[in-house]
């Protein structure tokens, strides 16, 4: 799992660079998210056996990019950064991830809310660890791609 150690640089909304270490953080975050989220999804019946959906790939890429950009700027770039300055790292990660999870009630049932809450926590720690918004963006995009192309639609 991602360690909640202090980041080496301030959290940035502009720095979209990617270092070798960022890829490692994103890979560990993906693993940490899937290890918790998949059992929740399968044990609650929210997820079933994987299938290949009928999607227009170009439309899916555009939709994923828009979704990830909006959610990461809102939940990590604004909310998490704001909370870190007021309540500290761990409370900010917990609060922002809870709000991120609850926002998923707009479209999904409670299992997705639980999975999104955990993912939000991992995304916040990935952002904190690297200081770059690009890291949770790549991680979040990978999770959405897995949801759309590997897991069943909800």
N, C-alpha and C. Protein backbone atom coordinates (compact mmCIF):
# COMPACT_ATOMS: atom_id res chain seq x y z
N UNK A 1 0.84 -1.17 0.00
CA UNK A 1 0.00 0.00 0.00
C UNK A 1 0.88 1.23 0.00
N UNK A 2 0.32 2.34 -0.39
CA UNK A 2 1.06 3.58 -0.45
C UNK A 2 1.35 4.10 0.95
N UNK A 3 2.58 4.49 1.19
CA UNK A 3 2.94 5.05 2.49
C UNK A 3 2.50 6.51 2.53
N UNK A 4 2.03 6.94 3.67
CA UNK A 4 1.57 8.31 3.83
C UNK A 4 2.70 9.17 4.38
N UNK A 5 3.81 9.18 3.67
CA UNK A 5 4.95 9.98 4.10
C UNK A 5 4.84 11.36 3.46
N UNK A 6 5.50 12.35 4.05
CA UNK A 6 5.41 13.70 3.51
C UNK A 6 5.94 13.75 2.07
N UNK A 7 5.25 14.53 1.24
CA UNK A 7 5.72 14.67 -0.14
C UNK A 7 6.94 15.57 -0.16
N UNK A 8 7.73 15.43 -1.19
CA UNK A 8 8.95 16.20 -1.32
C UNK A 8 8.70 17.58 -1.89
N UNK A 9 7.53 17.79 -2.47
CA UNK A 9 7.21 19.07 -3.08
C UNK A 9 5.75 19.39 -2.80
N UNK A 10 5.38 20.67 -2.95
CA UNK A 10 3.97 21.02 -2.73
C UNK A 10 3.08 20.38 -3.79
N UNK A 11 1.82 20.19 -3.43
CA UNK A 11 0.87 19.61 -4.38
C UNK A 11 0.63 20.60 -5.52
N UNK A 12 0.70 20.11 -6.73
CA UNK A 12 0.61 20.98 -7.90
C UNK A 12 -0.58 20.60 -8.77
N UNK A 13 -1.24 21.61 -9.28
CA UNK A 13 -2.30 21.40 -10.28
C UNK A 13 -1.74 21.51 -11.69
N UNK A 14 -0.58 22.09 -11.81
CA UNK A 14 -0.03 22.39 -13.13
C UNK A 14 0.98 21.34 -13.58
N UNK A 15 1.70 20.75 -12.67
CA UNK A 15 2.78 19.83 -13.02
C UNK A 15 2.21 18.52 -13.53
N UNK A 16 2.21 18.36 -14.83
CA UNK A 16 1.70 17.13 -15.44
C UNK A 16 2.84 16.21 -15.86
N UNK A 17 4.04 16.52 -15.43
CA UNK A 17 5.18 15.67 -15.72
C UNK A 17 5.05 14.32 -15.04
N UNK A 18 5.75 13.35 -15.56
CA UNK A 18 5.70 12.01 -15.01
C UNK A 18 7.13 11.52 -14.84
N UNK A 19 7.47 11.15 -13.62
CA UNK A 19 8.79 10.59 -13.38
C UNK A 19 8.68 9.08 -13.25
N UNK A 20 9.81 8.43 -13.27
CA UNK A 20 9.83 6.97 -13.12
C UNK A 20 9.16 6.57 -11.80
N UNK A 21 9.42 7.35 -10.76
CA UNK A 21 8.81 7.06 -9.45
C UNK A 21 7.30 7.22 -9.46
N UNK A 22 6.78 8.13 -10.28
CA UNK A 22 5.33 8.31 -10.37
C UNK A 22 4.65 7.05 -10.90
N UNK A 23 5.29 6.40 -11.87
CA UNK A 23 4.71 5.17 -12.42
C UNK A 23 4.65 4.09 -11.34
N UNK A 24 5.68 4.03 -10.51
CA UNK A 24 5.70 3.04 -9.42
C UNK A 24 4.59 3.34 -8.42
N UNK A 25 4.39 4.61 -8.09
CA UNK A 25 3.32 4.99 -7.16
C UNK A 25 1.97 4.63 -7.76
N UNK A 26 1.78 4.93 -9.05
CA UNK A 26 0.51 4.60 -9.72
C UNK A 26 0.29 3.09 -9.76
N UNK A 27 1.33 2.31 -10.02
CA UNK A 27 1.19 0.84 -10.07
C UNK A 27 0.84 0.29 -8.70
N UNK A 28 1.52 0.76 -7.65
CA UNK A 28 1.19 0.31 -6.29
C UNK A 28 -0.22 0.74 -5.90
N UNK A 29 -0.61 1.94 -6.33
CA UNK A 29 -1.97 2.42 -6.04
C UNK A 29 -3.02 1.59 -6.74
N UNK A 30 -2.76 1.21 -7.99
CA UNK A 30 -3.69 0.36 -8.73
C UNK A 30 -3.86 -0.98 -8.02
N UNK A 31 -2.76 -1.57 -7.63
CA UNK A 31 -2.81 -2.85 -6.91
C UNK A 31 -3.55 -2.70 -5.58
N UNK A 32 -3.23 -1.65 -4.82
CA UNK A 32 -3.88 -1.43 -3.52
C UNK A 32 -5.38 -1.22 -3.68
N UNK A 33 -5.78 -0.54 -4.73
CA UNK A 33 -7.20 -0.30 -4.96
C UNK A 33 -7.91 -1.59 -5.35
N UNK A 34 -7.34 -2.33 -6.28
CA UNK A 34 -7.99 -3.55 -6.76
C UNK A 34 -8.07 -4.63 -5.69
N UNK A 35 -7.06 -4.71 -4.83
CA UNK A 35 -7.05 -5.73 -3.78
C UNK A 35 -8.23 -5.54 -2.82
N UNK A 36 -8.64 -4.30 -2.61
CA UNK A 36 -9.78 -4.04 -1.72
C UNK A 36 -11.08 -3.94 -2.49
N UNK A 37 -11.07 -3.24 -3.63
CA UNK A 37 -12.31 -2.97 -4.36
C UNK A 37 -12.91 -4.20 -5.02
N UNK A 38 -12.09 -5.05 -5.60
CA UNK A 38 -12.64 -6.23 -6.28
C UNK A 38 -13.38 -7.17 -5.33
N UNK A 39 -12.82 -7.51 -4.16
CA UNK A 39 -13.60 -8.35 -3.24
C UNK A 39 -14.92 -7.69 -2.82
N UNK A 40 -14.91 -6.39 -2.59
CA UNK A 40 -16.17 -5.70 -2.26
C UNK A 40 -17.16 -5.88 -3.39
N UNK A 41 -16.73 -5.65 -4.61
CA UNK A 41 -17.62 -5.76 -5.76
C UNK A 41 -18.16 -7.16 -5.97
N UNK A 42 -17.30 -8.17 -5.87
CA UNK A 42 -17.74 -9.55 -6.10
C UNK A 42 -18.57 -10.09 -4.93
N UNK A 43 -18.18 -9.77 -3.70
CA UNK A 43 -18.92 -10.29 -2.53
C UNK A 43 -20.30 -9.66 -2.40
N UNK A 44 -20.49 -8.44 -2.89
CA UNK A 44 -21.81 -7.80 -2.82
C UNK A 44 -22.66 -8.11 -4.04
N UNK A 45 -22.08 -8.78 -5.03
CA UNK A 45 -22.83 -9.09 -6.25
C UNK A 45 -22.87 -7.93 -7.24
N UNK A 46 -22.19 -6.83 -6.91
CA UNK A 46 -22.14 -5.68 -7.80
C UNK A 46 -21.37 -6.02 -9.07
N UNK A 47 -20.34 -6.83 -8.93
CA UNK A 47 -19.54 -7.28 -10.07
C UNK A 47 -19.84 -8.74 -10.37
N UNK A 48 -19.81 -9.07 -11.63
CA UNK A 48 -19.96 -10.46 -12.06
C UNK A 48 -18.76 -10.80 -12.94
N UNK A 49 -18.82 -11.89 -13.65
CA UNK A 49 -17.69 -12.31 -14.46
C UNK A 49 -17.36 -11.25 -15.52
N UNK A 50 -16.08 -11.07 -15.82
CA UNK A 50 -15.67 -10.08 -16.83
C UNK A 50 -16.24 -10.40 -18.21
N UNK A 51 -16.42 -9.35 -18.99
CA UNK A 51 -16.88 -9.49 -20.37
C UNK A 51 -16.31 -8.34 -21.20
N UNK A 52 -16.41 -8.47 -22.50
CA UNK A 52 -15.94 -7.40 -23.39
C UNK A 52 -17.16 -6.59 -23.81
N UNK A 53 -17.21 -5.32 -23.41
CA UNK A 53 -18.39 -4.49 -23.74
C UNK A 53 -18.35 -4.03 -25.19
N UNK A 54 -19.48 -3.58 -25.65
CA UNK A 54 -19.56 -2.98 -26.99
C UNK A 54 -19.43 -1.47 -26.81
N UNK A 55 -18.22 -0.97 -26.99
CA UNK A 55 -17.96 0.45 -26.84
C UNK A 55 -17.19 0.98 -28.03
N UNK A 56 -17.46 2.20 -28.39
CA UNK A 56 -16.65 2.88 -29.37
C UNK A 56 -15.40 3.35 -28.62
N UNK A 57 -14.24 2.85 -28.99
CA UNK A 57 -13.01 3.10 -28.24
C UNK A 57 -12.69 4.58 -28.19
N UNK A 58 -12.84 5.30 -29.29
CA UNK A 58 -12.51 6.72 -29.29
C UNK A 58 -13.42 7.50 -28.35
N UNK A 59 -14.71 7.20 -28.39
CA UNK A 59 -15.65 7.85 -27.46
C UNK A 59 -15.31 7.51 -26.02
N UNK A 60 -14.93 6.26 -25.78
CA UNK A 60 -14.56 5.84 -24.42
C UNK A 60 -13.33 6.60 -23.94
N UNK A 61 -12.33 6.77 -24.78
CA UNK A 61 -11.11 7.51 -24.40
C UNK A 61 -11.45 8.95 -24.05
N UNK A 62 -12.28 9.59 -24.86
CA UNK A 62 -12.68 10.98 -24.60
C UNK A 62 -13.48 11.07 -23.30
N UNK A 63 -14.43 10.15 -23.10
CA UNK A 63 -15.23 10.15 -21.87
C UNK A 63 -14.36 9.94 -20.64
N UNK A 64 -13.42 9.00 -20.73
CA UNK A 64 -12.53 8.73 -19.60
C UNK A 64 -11.68 9.96 -19.29
N UNK A 65 -11.13 10.59 -20.32
CA UNK A 65 -10.29 11.77 -20.11
C UNK A 65 -11.08 12.89 -19.45
N UNK A 66 -12.30 13.13 -19.90
CA UNK A 66 -13.13 14.18 -19.31
C UNK A 66 -13.48 13.86 -17.86
N UNK A 67 -13.89 12.64 -17.62
CA UNK A 67 -14.26 12.22 -16.27
C UNK A 67 -13.08 12.34 -15.32
N UNK A 68 -11.95 11.80 -15.70
CA UNK A 68 -10.76 11.81 -14.84
C UNK A 68 -10.29 13.24 -14.59
N UNK A 69 -10.25 14.05 -15.62
CA UNK A 69 -9.81 15.43 -15.46
C UNK A 69 -10.72 16.16 -14.48
N UNK A 70 -12.02 16.07 -14.67
CA UNK A 70 -12.97 16.75 -13.79
C UNK A 70 -12.86 16.25 -12.35
N UNK A 71 -12.92 14.93 -12.16
CA UNK A 71 -12.92 14.39 -10.80
C UNK A 71 -11.60 14.64 -10.09
N UNK A 72 -10.49 14.50 -10.78
CA UNK A 72 -9.20 14.71 -10.11
C UNK A 72 -8.98 16.18 -9.76
N UNK A 73 -9.35 17.08 -10.65
CA UNK A 73 -9.21 18.49 -10.31
C UNK A 73 -10.11 18.88 -9.15
N UNK A 74 -11.33 18.35 -9.13
CA UNK A 74 -12.27 18.67 -8.06
C UNK A 74 -11.89 18.01 -6.73
N UNK A 75 -11.73 16.69 -6.74
CA UNK A 75 -11.56 15.96 -5.48
C UNK A 75 -10.14 15.95 -4.93
N UNK A 76 -9.14 15.86 -5.79
CA UNK A 76 -7.76 15.90 -5.30
C UNK A 76 -7.19 17.30 -5.42
N UNK A 77 -7.33 17.91 -6.60
CA UNK A 77 -6.71 19.21 -6.84
C UNK A 77 -7.29 20.34 -6.02
N UNK A 78 -8.57 20.29 -5.73
CA UNK A 78 -9.17 21.34 -4.93
C UNK A 78 -9.49 20.87 -3.50
N UNK A 79 -10.40 19.90 -3.37
CA UNK A 79 -10.88 19.49 -2.04
C UNK A 79 -9.76 18.93 -1.16
N UNK A 80 -9.04 17.95 -1.64
CA UNK A 80 -7.97 17.34 -0.84
C UNK A 80 -6.91 18.37 -0.47
N UNK A 81 -6.46 19.17 -1.43
CA UNK A 81 -5.45 20.21 -1.15
C UNK A 81 -5.96 21.17 -0.09
N UNK A 82 -7.21 21.58 -0.20
CA UNK A 82 -7.80 22.51 0.76
C UNK A 82 -7.85 21.88 2.15
N UNK A 83 -8.28 20.62 2.23
CA UNK A 83 -8.38 19.94 3.51
C UNK A 83 -7.02 19.69 4.15
N UNK A 84 -6.01 19.34 3.36
CA UNK A 84 -4.67 19.09 3.91
C UNK A 84 -4.19 20.31 4.68
N UNK A 85 -4.43 21.49 4.14
CA UNK A 85 -3.99 22.71 4.80
C UNK A 85 -4.75 23.01 6.08
N UNK A 86 -5.91 22.41 6.25
CA UNK A 86 -6.74 22.70 7.42
C UNK A 86 -6.75 21.61 8.48
N UNK A 87 -6.70 20.35 8.04
CA UNK A 87 -6.84 19.26 9.02
C UNK A 87 -5.68 18.26 8.99
N UNK A 88 -4.76 18.39 8.05
CA UNK A 88 -3.64 17.46 7.96
C UNK A 88 -3.90 16.36 6.95
N UNK A 89 -2.84 15.58 6.70
CA UNK A 89 -2.86 14.58 5.63
C UNK A 89 -3.92 13.50 5.82
N UNK A 90 -3.85 12.72 6.89
CA UNK A 90 -4.76 11.58 7.03
C UNK A 90 -6.22 12.00 7.11
N UNK A 91 -6.58 13.00 7.94
CA UNK A 91 -7.99 13.42 7.93
C UNK A 91 -8.44 13.94 6.56
N UNK A 92 -7.55 14.64 5.87
CA UNK A 92 -7.90 15.15 4.53
C UNK A 92 -8.12 13.99 3.56
N UNK A 93 -7.26 12.98 3.62
CA UNK A 93 -7.40 11.82 2.74
C UNK A 93 -8.71 11.09 3.02
N UNK A 94 -9.03 10.92 4.30
CA UNK A 94 -10.27 10.21 4.68
C UNK A 94 -11.50 11.01 4.28
N UNK A 95 -11.52 12.30 4.62
CA UNK A 95 -12.69 13.13 4.30
C UNK A 95 -12.90 13.28 2.80
N UNK A 96 -11.84 13.57 2.07
CA UNK A 96 -12.01 13.75 0.62
C UNK A 96 -12.41 12.44 -0.06
N UNK A 97 -11.89 11.32 0.43
CA UNK A 97 -12.28 10.04 -0.18
C UNK A 97 -13.72 9.67 0.16
N UNK A 98 -14.18 10.01 1.37
CA UNK A 98 -15.58 9.75 1.73
C UNK A 98 -16.52 10.57 0.85
N UNK A 99 -16.17 11.83 0.63
CA UNK A 99 -16.99 12.69 -0.23
C UNK A 99 -16.95 12.19 -1.67
N UNK A 100 -15.77 11.78 -2.12
CA UNK A 100 -15.61 11.21 -3.47
C UNK A 100 -16.49 9.96 -3.61
N UNK A 101 -16.45 9.09 -2.61
CA UNK A 101 -17.27 7.88 -2.65
C UNK A 101 -18.75 8.19 -2.68
N UNK A 102 -19.19 9.10 -1.81
CA UNK A 102 -20.60 9.46 -1.75
C UNK A 102 -21.09 10.10 -3.05
N UNK A 103 -20.21 10.81 -3.74
CA UNK A 103 -20.59 11.40 -5.02
C UNK A 103 -20.96 10.32 -6.04
N UNK A 104 -20.48 9.12 -5.85
CA UNK A 104 -20.79 8.03 -6.77
C UNK A 104 -22.20 7.48 -6.58
N UNK A 105 -22.90 7.90 -5.51
CA UNK A 105 -24.31 7.53 -5.35
C UNK A 105 -25.17 8.14 -6.45
N UNK A 106 -24.65 9.16 -7.13
CA UNK A 106 -25.40 9.80 -8.21
C UNK A 106 -25.76 8.77 -9.28
N UNK A 107 -24.83 7.86 -9.55
CA UNK A 107 -25.05 6.89 -10.64
C UNK A 107 -25.04 5.44 -10.19
N UNK A 108 -24.44 5.13 -9.03
CA UNK A 108 -24.20 3.74 -8.65
C UNK A 108 -24.82 3.39 -7.30
N UNK A 109 -24.83 2.09 -7.01
CA UNK A 109 -25.29 1.58 -5.72
C UNK A 109 -24.13 1.58 -4.72
N UNK A 110 -24.46 1.17 -3.47
CA UNK A 110 -23.49 1.25 -2.37
C UNK A 110 -22.19 0.48 -2.60
N UNK A 111 -22.15 -0.66 -3.29
CA UNK A 111 -20.84 -1.31 -3.46
C UNK A 111 -19.85 -0.41 -4.21
N UNK A 112 -20.34 0.30 -5.24
CA UNK A 112 -19.46 1.20 -5.97
C UNK A 112 -19.03 2.36 -5.08
N UNK A 113 -19.91 2.81 -4.20
CA UNK A 113 -19.57 3.89 -3.27
C UNK A 113 -18.42 3.43 -2.37
N UNK A 114 -18.48 2.20 -1.88
CA UNK A 114 -17.40 1.67 -1.04
C UNK A 114 -16.10 1.56 -1.83
N UNK A 115 -16.19 1.04 -3.05
CA UNK A 115 -15.00 0.89 -3.88
C UNK A 115 -14.41 2.25 -4.23
N UNK A 116 -15.27 3.21 -4.57
CA UNK A 116 -14.81 4.55 -4.93
C UNK A 116 -14.20 5.26 -3.72
N UNK A 117 -14.74 5.01 -2.54
CA UNK A 117 -14.18 5.62 -1.33
C UNK A 117 -12.76 5.13 -1.12
N UNK A 118 -12.56 3.83 -1.23
CA UNK A 118 -11.20 3.29 -1.09
C UNK A 118 -10.29 3.83 -2.19
N UNK A 119 -10.77 3.84 -3.42
CA UNK A 119 -9.96 4.37 -4.52
C UNK A 119 -9.61 5.84 -4.27
N UNK A 120 -10.56 6.61 -3.77
CA UNK A 120 -10.30 8.02 -3.47
C UNK A 120 -9.20 8.20 -2.44
N UNK A 121 -9.17 7.31 -1.46
CA UNK A 121 -8.11 7.37 -0.44
C UNK A 121 -6.75 7.09 -1.08
N UNK A 122 -6.69 6.06 -1.90
CA UNK A 122 -5.43 5.70 -2.58
C UNK A 122 -5.01 6.83 -3.53
N UNK A 123 -5.96 7.41 -4.26
CA UNK A 123 -5.66 8.50 -5.17
C UNK A 123 -5.11 9.72 -4.42
N UNK A 124 -5.68 10.02 -3.26
CA UNK A 124 -5.20 11.15 -2.46
C UNK A 124 -3.77 10.91 -2.00
N UNK A 125 -3.48 9.70 -1.54
CA UNK A 125 -2.12 9.39 -1.09
C UNK A 125 -1.12 9.41 -2.25
N UNK A 126 -1.56 8.96 -3.43
CA UNK A 126 -0.68 9.01 -4.60
C UNK A 126 -0.37 10.46 -4.96
N UNK A 127 -1.36 11.32 -4.89
CA UNK A 127 -1.16 12.74 -5.17
C UNK A 127 -0.21 13.35 -4.15
N UNK A 128 -0.43 13.03 -2.90
CA UNK A 128 0.43 13.56 -1.84
C UNK A 128 1.87 13.08 -1.99
N UNK A 129 2.03 11.81 -2.32
CA UNK A 129 3.37 11.23 -2.42
C UNK A 129 4.19 11.87 -3.53
N UNK A 130 3.58 12.13 -4.69
CA UNK A 130 4.33 12.66 -5.83
C UNK A 130 4.25 14.17 -5.95
N UNK A 131 3.19 14.77 -5.41
CA UNK A 131 3.00 16.20 -5.54
C UNK A 131 2.47 16.62 -6.90
N UNK A 132 2.21 15.66 -7.78
CA UNK A 132 1.74 15.95 -9.13
C UNK A 132 0.34 15.39 -9.34
N UNK A 133 -0.53 16.20 -9.90
CA UNK A 133 -1.90 15.77 -10.19
C UNK A 133 -1.93 14.69 -11.26
N UNK A 134 -0.87 14.61 -12.07
CA UNK A 134 -0.83 13.61 -13.13
C UNK A 134 -0.85 12.19 -12.58
N UNK A 135 -0.26 11.97 -11.40
CA UNK A 135 -0.21 10.60 -10.85
C UNK A 135 -1.60 10.06 -10.54
N UNK A 136 -2.44 10.77 -9.76
CA UNK A 136 -3.78 10.23 -9.56
C UNK A 136 -4.61 10.22 -10.84
N UNK A 137 -4.31 11.12 -11.78
CA UNK A 137 -5.03 11.09 -13.05
C UNK A 137 -4.76 9.79 -13.81
N UNK A 138 -3.48 9.41 -13.91
CA UNK A 138 -3.15 8.16 -14.60
C UNK A 138 -3.73 6.95 -13.87
N UNK A 139 -3.63 6.95 -12.55
CA UNK A 139 -4.16 5.85 -11.75
C UNK A 139 -5.67 5.77 -11.91
N UNK A 140 -6.35 6.90 -11.82
CA UNK A 140 -7.80 6.94 -11.96
C UNK A 140 -8.22 6.47 -13.35
N UNK A 141 -7.50 6.92 -14.38
CA UNK A 141 -7.80 6.49 -15.75
C UNK A 141 -7.66 4.97 -15.88
N UNK A 142 -6.62 4.41 -15.29
CA UNK A 142 -6.43 2.95 -15.34
C UNK A 142 -7.58 2.23 -14.67
N UNK A 143 -8.05 2.75 -13.54
CA UNK A 143 -9.18 2.13 -12.85
C UNK A 143 -10.46 2.19 -13.69
N UNK A 144 -10.70 3.31 -14.35
CA UNK A 144 -11.89 3.44 -15.19
C UNK A 144 -11.79 2.52 -16.41
N UNK A 145 -10.61 2.41 -17.00
CA UNK A 145 -10.42 1.49 -18.13
C UNK A 145 -10.71 0.06 -17.69
N UNK A 146 -10.22 -0.33 -16.53
CA UNK A 146 -10.51 -1.68 -16.01
C UNK A 146 -12.00 -1.85 -15.80
N UNK A 147 -12.65 -0.83 -15.24
CA UNK A 147 -14.10 -0.90 -15.01
C UNK A 147 -14.86 -1.06 -16.33
N UNK A 148 -14.48 -0.30 -17.35
CA UNK A 148 -15.23 -0.33 -18.61
C UNK A 148 -14.90 -1.53 -19.49
N UNK A 149 -13.64 -1.93 -19.52
CA UNK A 149 -13.23 -2.95 -20.49
C UNK A 149 -13.01 -4.32 -19.90
N UNK A 150 -12.90 -4.44 -18.58
CA UNK A 150 -12.65 -5.74 -17.98
C UNK A 150 -13.82 -6.18 -17.11
N UNK A 151 -14.33 -5.28 -16.30
CA UNK A 151 -15.42 -5.62 -15.38
C UNK A 151 -16.76 -5.37 -16.06
N UNK A 152 -17.81 -6.00 -15.57
CA UNK A 152 -19.12 -5.80 -16.18
C UNK A 152 -19.63 -4.39 -15.92
N UNK A 153 -20.44 -3.90 -16.84
CA UNK A 153 -21.06 -2.59 -16.66
C UNK A 153 -22.09 -2.64 -15.57
N UNK A 154 -22.28 -1.52 -14.92
CA UNK A 154 -23.26 -1.47 -13.84
C UNK A 154 -24.44 -0.63 -14.25
